[in-house]
Amino acid sequence: MKIDSFVGFNEIYTSYYKRAYLFVKSYVHDGPVAEDIVSESLISLWKQMKTSSIENVPSYLFRILRNNTLDYLKHAAIERKARQKINEKLHRELGIRISLLEGCDPEELFSSEIQQIYLDTLNTLPKKTRLIFEMSRLSGKTNKEIADFYDITVKGVDFHIAQAIKALKKTLRDYLPIFLFFISR
């Protein structure tokens, strides 16, 4: 059946929408998605009817609906599988973080090995940088107090502290989360 110029989309919509919607929704289980698939399918049917003669309109529409629904379901399956893989990876990473944190014994936090790395690193720093860092982090002095003590600017103090932290981050990279906890203010 080729569409006559007076047969419009509304007639096609009225004739087939409800049963097409029920068919598609029975597979996709999502009303708005079913509406989209049916609308696209009816538009496709209407466009085809304007240019070609279609013998059996319900059968032709059914084929369009079936193909569009299959496309949607296949895409949804791929999407779900990808999300599942991402969730599995996140779950594994979470398990690793939990295990690492559970294995973190506060008594061993500053074991002799870590203390030695810490002290060795501080001893490689220029004397003024080491002293400023120790005043800031170990003595609890403010940057302003340290600046006044050394007669330098607060930015100068910030620079020395940043240099010390940079060196410690490098040598204690394997212990970085613990290190950051203890040197942060």
Protein backbone atom coordinates (compact mmCIF):
# COMPACT_ATOMS: atom_id res chain seq x y z
CA MET A 1 0.00 0.00 0.00
CA LYS A 2 1.45 3.31 -1.05
CA ILE A 3 0.45 6.21 1.12
CA ASP A 4 -1.90 8.69 -0.47
CA SER A 5 -1.14 12.34 -0.01
CA PHE A 6 -4.20 12.75 2.23
CA VAL A 7 -3.16 9.92 4.59
CA GLY A 8 -0.99 11.52 7.20
CA PHE A 9 1.14 10.51 10.06
CA ASN A 10 -1.77 10.97 12.50
CA GLU A 11 -3.72 8.17 10.82
CA ILE A 12 -0.76 5.81 11.03
CA TYR A 13 -0.16 6.83 14.64
CA THR A 14 -3.81 6.32 15.60
CA SER A 15 -4.00 2.95 13.86
CA TYR A 16 -0.81 1.37 15.21
CA TYR A 17 0.60 3.22 18.21
CA LYS A 18 -1.11 1.38 21.06
CA ARG A 19 -0.35 -2.16 19.94
CA ALA A 20 3.16 -1.18 18.85
CA TYR A 21 3.79 0.39 22.27
CA LEU A 22 2.53 -2.69 24.14
CA PHE A 23 4.68 -4.95 21.99
CA VAL A 24 7.87 -2.96 22.48
CA LYS A 25 7.29 -2.31 26.18
CA SER A 26 6.88 -6.03 26.78
CA TYR A 27 10.55 -6.39 25.75
CA VAL A 28 12.23 -3.22 26.96
CA HIS A 29 10.31 -2.85 30.26
CA ASP A 30 10.70 0.93 30.13
CA GLY A 31 7.79 3.16 29.11
CA PRO A 32 9.73 6.19 27.83
CA VAL A 33 12.15 3.98 25.89
CA ALA A 34 9.24 2.07 24.36
CA GLU A 35 7.62 5.38 23.37
CA ASP A 36 10.84 6.48 21.64
CA ILE A 37 11.23 3.21 19.76
CA VAL A 38 7.60 3.23 18.65
CA SER A 39 7.73 6.86 17.56
CA GLU A 40 10.90 6.31 15.53
CA SER A 41 9.42 3.16 14.01
CA LEU A 42 6.14 4.87 13.05
CA ILE A 43 8.05 7.75 11.47
CA SER A 44 10.16 5.25 9.55
CA LEU A 45 7.01 3.46 8.37
CA TRP A 46 5.39 6.75 7.34
CA LYS A 47 8.47 7.83 5.35
CA GLN A 48 8.62 4.44 3.64
CA MET A 49 4.90 4.56 2.80
CA LYS A 50 5.38 7.96 1.13
CA THR A 51 7.91 6.54 -1.33
CA SER A 52 7.06 2.85 -1.71
CA SER A 53 4.14 0.54 -1.97
CA ILE A 54 3.83 -1.64 1.14
CA GLU A 55 1.65 -4.73 0.76
CA ASN A 56 1.20 -5.62 4.42
CA VAL A 57 1.59 -2.56 6.66
CA PRO A 58 1.24 -4.37 10.05
CA SER A 59 3.87 -6.92 9.02
CA TYR A 60 6.23 -4.21 7.76
CA LEU A 61 5.74 -2.19 10.96
CA PHE A 62 6.32 -5.29 13.06
CA ARG A 63 9.66 -5.86 11.28
CA ILE A 64 10.71 -2.25 11.96
CA LEU A 65 9.64 -2.49 15.62
CA ARG A 66 11.40 -5.82 16.06
CA ASN A 67 14.66 -4.53 14.54
CA ASN A 68 14.62 -1.27 16.52
CA THR A 69 13.83 -3.14 19.74
CA LEU A 70 16.58 -5.66 19.07
CA ASP A 71 19.05 -2.83 18.43
CA TYR A 72 18.08 -1.20 21.70
CA LEU A 73 18.32 -4.45 23.70
CA LYS A 74 21.69 -5.39 22.18
CA HIS A 75 23.03 -1.94 22.98
CA ALA A 76 21.64 -2.19 26.52
CA ALA A 77 23.32 -5.59 26.97
CA ILE A 78 26.68 -4.19 25.86
CA GLU A 79 26.24 -1.18 28.11
CA ARG A 80 25.29 -3.36 31.09
CA LYS A 81 28.29 -5.63 30.51
CA ALA A 82 30.62 -2.61 30.39
CA ARG A 83 29.11 -1.21 33.60
CA GLN A 84 29.48 -4.61 35.23
CA LYS A 85 33.18 -4.76 34.30
CA ILE A 86 33.71 -1.25 35.64
CA ASN A 87 31.90 -2.15 38.88
CA GLU A 88 33.96 -5.33 39.24
CA LYS A 89 37.17 -3.33 38.81
CA LEU A 90 36.03 -0.72 41.33
CA HIS A 91 35.05 -3.50 43.74
CA ARG A 92 38.51 -5.10 43.41
CA GLU A 93 40.21 -1.75 43.94
CA LEU A 94 38.05 -1.09 46.98
CA GLY A 95 38.98 -4.51 48.37
CA ILE A 96 42.65 -3.74 47.87
CA ARG A 97 42.33 -0.38 49.63
CA ILE A 98 40.46 -2.02 52.51
CA SER A 99 43.15 -4.72 52.80
CA LEU A 100 45.93 -2.16 52.71
CA LEU A 101 44.28 -0.03 55.36
CA GLU A 102 43.50 -3.03 57.56
CA GLY A 103 47.14 -4.09 57.26
CA CYS A 104 48.33 -0.67 58.33
CA ASP A 105 49.47 -1.10 61.92
CA PRO A 106 49.76 2.25 63.74
CA GLU A 107 52.48 0.80 65.96
CA GLU A 108 54.64 0.12 62.93
CA LEU A 109 53.78 3.35 61.19
CA PHE A 110 57.08 4.95 61.97
CA SER A 111 59.20 1.86 62.05
CA SER A 112 62.92 2.27 62.15
CA GLU A 113 63.06 1.90 58.34
CA ILE A 114 60.68 4.80 57.75
CA GLN A 115 62.33 6.89 60.44
CA GLN A 116 65.72 6.25 58.87
CA ILE A 117 64.50 7.27 55.40
CA TYR A 118 62.89 10.37 56.93
CA LEU A 119 66.05 11.39 58.81
CA ASP A 120 68.34 10.62 55.87
CA THR A 121 66.20 12.76 53.61
CA LEU A 122 66.13 15.65 56.07
CA ASN A 123 69.93 15.42 56.41
CA THR A 124 70.34 15.80 52.64
CA LEU A 125 68.46 19.10 52.68
CA PRO A 126 70.20 22.45 53.05
CA LYS A 127 70.50 23.25 56.77
CA LYS A 128 68.13 26.22 56.67
CA THR A 129 65.48 24.24 54.76
CA ARG A 130 65.72 21.36 57.25
CA LEU A 131 65.50 23.68 60.27
CA ILE A 132 62.54 25.60 58.85
CA PHE A 133 60.72 22.34 58.07
CA GLU A 134 61.38 20.98 61.57
CA MET A 135 60.20 24.23 63.17
CA SER A 136 57.02 24.10 61.09
CA ARG A 137 56.12 20.44 61.35
CA LEU A 138 57.80 19.23 64.53
CA SER A 139 57.72 22.33 66.72
CA GLY A 140 54.37 23.58 65.47
CA LYS A 141 55.56 27.10 64.73
CA THR A 142 53.53 29.20 62.30
CA ASN A 143 55.08 30.35 59.06
CA LYS A 144 54.96 33.94 60.34
CA GLU A 145 56.86 32.98 63.51
CA ILE A 146 59.49 31.16 61.47
CA ALA A 147 59.76 34.10 59.03
CA ASP A 148 60.31 36.48 61.94
CA PHE A 149 62.90 34.16 63.51
CA TYR A 150 64.96 33.86 60.30
CA ASP A 151 64.18 37.39 59.14
CA ILE A 152 62.77 36.18 55.82
CA THR A 153 59.38 36.48 54.16
CA VAL A 154 56.52 34.08 54.76
CA LYS A 155 56.82 33.13 51.08
CA GLY A 156 60.43 32.21 51.77
CA VAL A 157 59.28 29.94 54.58
CA ASP A 158 56.68 28.40 52.26
CA PHE A 159 59.41 27.74 49.70
CA HIS A 160 61.68 25.95 52.19
CA ILE A 161 58.80 23.83 53.51
CA ALA A 162 57.74 22.95 49.95
CA GLN A 163 61.31 21.89 49.11
CA ALA A 164 61.46 19.64 52.18
CA ILE A 165 58.06 18.09 51.43
CA LYS A 166 59.05 17.52 47.80
CA ALA A 167 62.20 15.66 48.87
CA LEU A 168 60.30 13.61 51.47
CA LYS A 169 57.55 12.72 48.99
CA LYS A 170 60.17 11.41 46.63
CA THR A 171 62.01 9.24 49.16
CA LEU A 172 58.89 8.12 51.02
CA ARG A 173 56.69 7.56 47.93
CA ASP A 174 55.88 4.01 49.03
CA TYR A 175 54.62 5.38 52.34
CA LEU A 176 53.02 8.52 50.87
CA PRO A 177 49.47 8.28 52.32
CA ILE A 178 50.86 7.78 55.82
CA PHE A 179 53.50 10.46 55.33
CA LEU A 180 50.91 12.99 54.13
CA PHE A 181 48.75 12.27 57.15
CA PHE A 182 51.54 13.11 59.55
CA ILE A 183 53.02 16.19 57.84
CA SER A 184 49.77 17.87 56.80
CA ARG A 185 48.32 20.64 58.90
